[in-house]
Amino acid sequence: MAQLIFTQQLGRFMTVPQVETRADDLRSALDACFAVHTRLRGYVLDEQGHLRENVVIFIDGQRARDPRRLDDALRPESQVYILQALSGG
C-alpha cells in the first residue's frame, strides 16, 4: 500500500499521522486521509481544494506535478511526503 507521510513541521499544530492507502492517485489518497483526519485538510488544502502555497508534496522523490488537480498516479509501494515549504534566508 502507498504511504502518506506528513513531516513534523505540521506537528506543531496537530498530531501528524502516517497513512497507508490503496488509492490510485494523489487526490484520492488525500481525500481518504482527510475523511479520517478532518482537521489536517485545512493545513494542506485551501478552500478550493488546491494545495496551499506553503505545502509541497513529493511522490517517490519527485515533486507532485499539478497543485490544483493533484492527479499524480500512485503505485502500491509509493511513498508520498507532505511537508510545509520553508522560506526565508
N, C-alpha and C. Protein backbone atom coordinates (compact mmCIF):
# COMPACT_ATOMS: atom_id res chain seq x y z
N MET A 1 0.84 -1.19 0.00
CA MET A 1 0.00 0.00 0.00
C MET A 1 0.88 1.25 0.00
N ALA A 2 0.42 2.28 -0.66
CA ALA A 2 1.13 3.56 -0.67
C ALA A 2 1.07 4.18 0.72
N GLN A 3 2.10 4.91 1.07
CA GLN A 3 2.17 5.58 2.37
C GLN A 3 2.13 7.09 2.19
N LEU A 4 1.28 7.75 2.98
CA LEU A 4 1.30 9.21 3.09
C LEU A 4 2.04 9.54 4.37
N ILE A 5 3.10 10.34 4.24
CA ILE A 5 3.93 10.68 5.39
C ILE A 5 3.91 12.19 5.54
N PHE A 6 3.36 12.66 6.63
CA PHE A 6 3.29 14.09 6.93
C PHE A 6 4.50 14.42 7.79
N THR A 7 5.33 15.34 7.32
CA THR A 7 6.55 15.67 8.06
C THR A 7 6.22 16.45 9.33
N GLN A 8 7.17 16.51 10.21
CA GLN A 8 6.94 17.04 11.55
C GLN A 8 6.69 18.54 11.61
N GLN A 9 6.93 19.29 10.54
CA GLN A 9 6.60 20.72 10.58
C GLN A 9 5.12 20.91 10.90
N LEU A 10 4.27 20.06 10.37
CA LEU A 10 2.84 20.14 10.68
C LEU A 10 2.56 19.70 12.12
N GLY A 11 3.48 19.00 12.73
CA GLY A 11 3.31 18.54 14.10
C GLY A 11 3.24 19.65 15.12
N ARG A 12 3.62 20.85 14.73
CA ARG A 12 3.46 22.00 15.64
C ARG A 12 2.01 22.30 15.89
N PHE A 13 1.16 21.92 14.95
CA PHE A 13 -0.25 22.27 15.01
C PHE A 13 -1.16 21.12 15.44
N MET A 14 -0.72 19.89 15.18
CA MET A 14 -1.57 18.72 15.46
C MET A 14 -0.74 17.45 15.36
N THR A 15 -1.33 16.37 15.78
CA THR A 15 -0.70 15.07 15.60
C THR A 15 -0.72 14.75 14.12
N VAL A 16 0.43 14.35 13.59
CA VAL A 16 0.51 14.05 12.17
C VAL A 16 0.59 12.53 11.97
N PRO A 17 -0.36 11.99 11.23
CA PRO A 17 -0.40 10.54 11.05
C PRO A 17 0.47 10.08 9.89
N GLN A 18 0.79 8.80 9.91
CA GLN A 18 1.27 8.12 8.71
C GLN A 18 0.10 7.28 8.25
N VAL A 19 -0.27 7.42 7.01
CA VAL A 19 -1.46 6.78 6.49
C VAL A 19 -1.09 5.83 5.36
N GLU A 20 -1.63 4.64 5.39
CA GLU A 20 -1.48 3.72 4.28
C GLU A 20 -2.77 3.72 3.49
N THR A 21 -2.63 3.66 2.16
CA THR A 21 -3.80 3.75 1.30
C THR A 21 -3.64 2.87 0.07
N ARG A 22 -4.76 2.43 -0.45
CA ARG A 22 -4.78 1.68 -1.70
C ARG A 22 -5.20 2.58 -2.87
N ALA A 23 -5.24 3.89 -2.64
CA ALA A 23 -5.67 4.83 -3.68
C ALA A 23 -4.74 4.78 -4.89
N ASP A 24 -5.32 5.04 -6.06
CA ASP A 24 -4.55 5.01 -7.30
C ASP A 24 -3.94 6.36 -7.66
N ASP A 25 -4.43 7.44 -7.04
CA ASP A 25 -3.88 8.75 -7.34
C ASP A 25 -3.83 9.61 -6.08
N LEU A 26 -3.09 10.70 -6.18
CA LEU A 26 -2.83 11.55 -5.02
C LEU A 26 -4.12 12.14 -4.45
N ARG A 27 -5.00 12.65 -5.28
CA ARG A 27 -6.24 13.26 -4.78
C ARG A 27 -7.06 12.26 -3.98
N SER A 28 -7.21 11.05 -4.48
CA SER A 28 -7.98 10.02 -3.77
C SER A 28 -7.32 9.65 -2.45
N ALA A 29 -6.00 9.60 -2.44
CA ALA A 29 -5.28 9.27 -1.21
C ALA A 29 -5.48 10.36 -0.16
N LEU A 30 -5.37 11.62 -0.59
CA LEU A 30 -5.58 12.73 0.35
C LEU A 30 -7.02 12.75 0.85
N ASP A 31 -7.99 12.55 -0.03
CA ASP A 31 -9.39 12.55 0.37
C ASP A 31 -9.66 11.47 1.42
N ALA A 32 -9.09 10.29 1.22
CA ALA A 32 -9.27 9.20 2.19
C ALA A 32 -8.65 9.56 3.53
N CYS A 33 -7.49 10.18 3.49
CA CYS A 33 -6.83 10.60 4.73
C CYS A 33 -7.66 11.66 5.46
N PHE A 34 -8.13 12.65 4.72
CA PHE A 34 -8.87 13.75 5.35
C PHE A 34 -10.25 13.31 5.84
N ALA A 35 -10.78 12.24 5.32
CA ALA A 35 -12.05 11.71 5.82
C ALA A 35 -11.89 11.25 7.26
N VAL A 36 -10.70 10.80 7.61
CA VAL A 36 -10.42 10.33 8.98
C VAL A 36 -9.81 11.45 9.82
N HIS A 37 -8.92 12.22 9.23
CA HIS A 37 -8.19 13.30 9.93
C HIS A 37 -8.66 14.64 9.36
N THR A 38 -9.87 15.01 9.68
CA THR A 38 -10.53 16.17 9.06
C THR A 38 -9.78 17.48 9.29
N ARG A 39 -9.23 17.68 10.45
CA ARG A 39 -8.57 18.95 10.77
C ARG A 39 -7.31 19.16 9.93
N LEU A 40 -6.69 18.10 9.53
CA LEU A 40 -5.46 18.18 8.75
C LEU A 40 -5.70 18.79 7.36
N ARG A 41 -6.88 18.61 6.83
CA ARG A 41 -7.19 19.11 5.48
C ARG A 41 -6.91 20.60 5.33
N GLY A 42 -7.32 21.39 6.29
CA GLY A 42 -7.14 22.84 6.22
C GLY A 42 -5.70 23.30 6.22
N TYR A 43 -4.80 22.47 6.70
CA TYR A 43 -3.38 22.82 6.68
C TYR A 43 -2.72 22.45 5.35
N VAL A 44 -3.35 21.55 4.60
CA VAL A 44 -2.77 21.07 3.35
C VAL A 44 -3.45 21.68 2.13
N LEU A 45 -4.78 21.77 2.16
CA LEU A 45 -5.54 22.27 1.01
C LEU A 45 -6.23 23.58 1.35
N ASP A 46 -6.41 24.42 0.33
CA ASP A 46 -7.14 25.67 0.54
C ASP A 46 -8.64 25.43 0.36
N GLU A 47 -9.42 26.51 0.35
CA GLU A 47 -10.87 26.41 0.28
C GLU A 47 -11.37 25.83 -1.04
N GLN A 48 -10.57 25.92 -2.10
CA GLN A 48 -10.94 25.36 -3.39
C GLN A 48 -10.46 23.92 -3.56
N GLY A 49 -9.81 23.38 -2.55
CA GLY A 49 -9.30 22.02 -2.63
C GLY A 49 -7.97 21.91 -3.33
N HIS A 50 -7.28 23.05 -3.52
CA HIS A 50 -5.96 23.07 -4.13
C HIS A 50 -4.89 23.05 -3.04
N LEU A 51 -3.73 22.58 -3.40
CA LEU A 51 -2.62 22.55 -2.46
C LEU A 51 -2.26 23.97 -2.03
N ARG A 52 -2.11 24.18 -0.74
CA ARG A 52 -1.73 25.50 -0.25
C ARG A 52 -0.33 25.86 -0.77
N GLU A 53 -0.09 27.16 -0.94
CA GLU A 53 1.19 27.62 -1.48
C GLU A 53 2.37 27.22 -0.61
N ASN A 54 2.16 27.08 0.68
CA ASN A 54 3.26 26.76 1.58
C ASN A 54 3.41 25.26 1.84
N VAL A 55 2.75 24.43 1.03
CA VAL A 55 2.84 22.98 1.18
C VAL A 55 3.39 22.39 -0.12
N VAL A 56 4.27 21.41 0.04
CA VAL A 56 4.87 20.73 -1.10
C VAL A 56 4.66 19.23 -0.91
N ILE A 57 4.39 18.53 -2.00
CA ILE A 57 4.21 17.08 -1.94
C ILE A 57 5.21 16.43 -2.90
N PHE A 58 5.91 15.42 -2.38
CA PHE A 58 6.82 14.62 -3.18
C PHE A 58 6.32 13.18 -3.21
N ILE A 59 6.29 12.62 -4.40
CA ILE A 59 5.88 11.23 -4.59
C ILE A 59 7.09 10.48 -5.12
N ASP A 60 7.58 9.53 -4.33
CA ASP A 60 8.75 8.74 -4.72
C ASP A 60 9.90 9.64 -5.16
N GLY A 61 10.12 10.73 -4.43
CA GLY A 61 11.24 11.63 -4.68
C GLY A 61 11.00 12.68 -5.75
N GLN A 62 9.85 12.68 -6.39
CA GLN A 62 9.53 13.67 -7.42
C GLN A 62 8.40 14.58 -6.94
N ARG A 63 8.56 15.87 -7.18
CA ARG A 63 7.53 16.82 -6.77
C ARG A 63 6.23 16.56 -7.54
N ALA A 64 5.10 16.62 -6.84
CA ALA A 64 3.79 16.46 -7.49
C ALA A 64 3.66 17.50 -8.60
N ARG A 65 3.09 17.09 -9.73
CA ARG A 65 3.06 17.94 -10.92
C ARG A 65 2.11 19.12 -10.83
N ASP A 66 0.87 18.88 -10.43
CA ASP A 66 -0.16 19.93 -10.50
C ASP A 66 -0.77 20.14 -9.12
N PRO A 67 -0.50 21.29 -8.50
CA PRO A 67 -1.01 21.55 -7.14
C PRO A 67 -2.52 21.78 -7.09
N ARG A 68 -3.16 21.87 -8.23
CA ARG A 68 -4.62 22.06 -8.26
C ARG A 68 -5.34 20.74 -8.49
N ARG A 69 -4.94 20.00 -9.50
CA ARG A 69 -5.64 18.74 -9.80
C ARG A 69 -5.20 17.61 -8.88
N LEU A 70 -3.94 17.59 -8.49
CA LEU A 70 -3.41 16.54 -7.61
C LEU A 70 -3.73 15.15 -8.15
N ASP A 71 -3.50 14.99 -9.45
CA ASP A 71 -3.88 13.74 -10.11
C ASP A 71 -2.70 12.80 -10.39
N ASP A 72 -1.58 13.03 -9.74
CA ASP A 72 -0.43 12.13 -9.92
C ASP A 72 -0.81 10.71 -9.56
N ALA A 73 -0.34 9.77 -10.38
CA ALA A 73 -0.61 8.35 -10.11
C ALA A 73 0.24 7.86 -8.95
N LEU A 74 -0.31 6.94 -8.18
CA LEU A 74 0.42 6.29 -7.10
C LEU A 74 0.56 4.81 -7.42
N ARG A 75 1.69 4.26 -7.03
CA ARG A 75 1.92 2.82 -7.13
C ARG A 75 1.69 2.22 -5.75
N PRO A 76 1.46 0.93 -5.67
CA PRO A 76 1.23 0.32 -4.34
C PRO A 76 2.36 0.58 -3.36
N GLU A 77 3.59 0.73 -3.85
CA GLU A 77 4.74 0.94 -2.95
C GLU A 77 5.16 2.41 -2.85
N SER A 78 4.36 3.33 -3.39
CA SER A 78 4.72 4.75 -3.37
C SER A 78 4.83 5.30 -1.95
N GLN A 79 5.78 6.22 -1.79
CA GLN A 79 5.91 6.99 -0.56
C GLN A 79 5.63 8.45 -0.91
N VAL A 80 4.65 9.02 -0.24
CA VAL A 80 4.20 10.38 -0.50
C VAL A 80 4.54 11.21 0.73
N TYR A 81 5.41 12.21 0.55
CA TYR A 81 5.79 13.09 1.64
C TYR A 81 5.06 14.42 1.47
N ILE A 82 4.37 14.84 2.53
CA ILE A 82 3.65 16.10 2.54
C ILE A 82 4.34 16.98 3.56
N LEU A 83 4.86 18.14 3.10
CA LEU A 83 5.62 18.99 4.02
C LEU A 83 5.33 20.45 3.76
N GLN A 84 5.56 21.26 4.77
CA GLN A 84 5.46 22.70 4.61
C GLN A 84 6.74 23.18 3.98
N ALA A 85 6.61 24.00 2.93
CA ALA A 85 7.78 24.57 2.28
C ALA A 85 8.41 25.60 3.22
N LEU A 86 9.71 25.63 3.23
CA LEU A 86 10.44 26.59 4.06
C LEU A 86 10.75 27.83 3.26
N SER A 87 10.71 28.97 3.91
CA SER A 87 11.04 30.21 3.23
C SER A 87 11.92 31.05 4.15
N GLY A 88 12.44 32.10 3.61
CA GLY A 88 13.29 32.97 4.40
C GLY A 88 14.74 32.80 4.00
N GLY A 89 15.62 33.46 4.74
CA GLY A 89 17.04 33.40 4.34
C GLY A 89 17.93 33.07 5.48
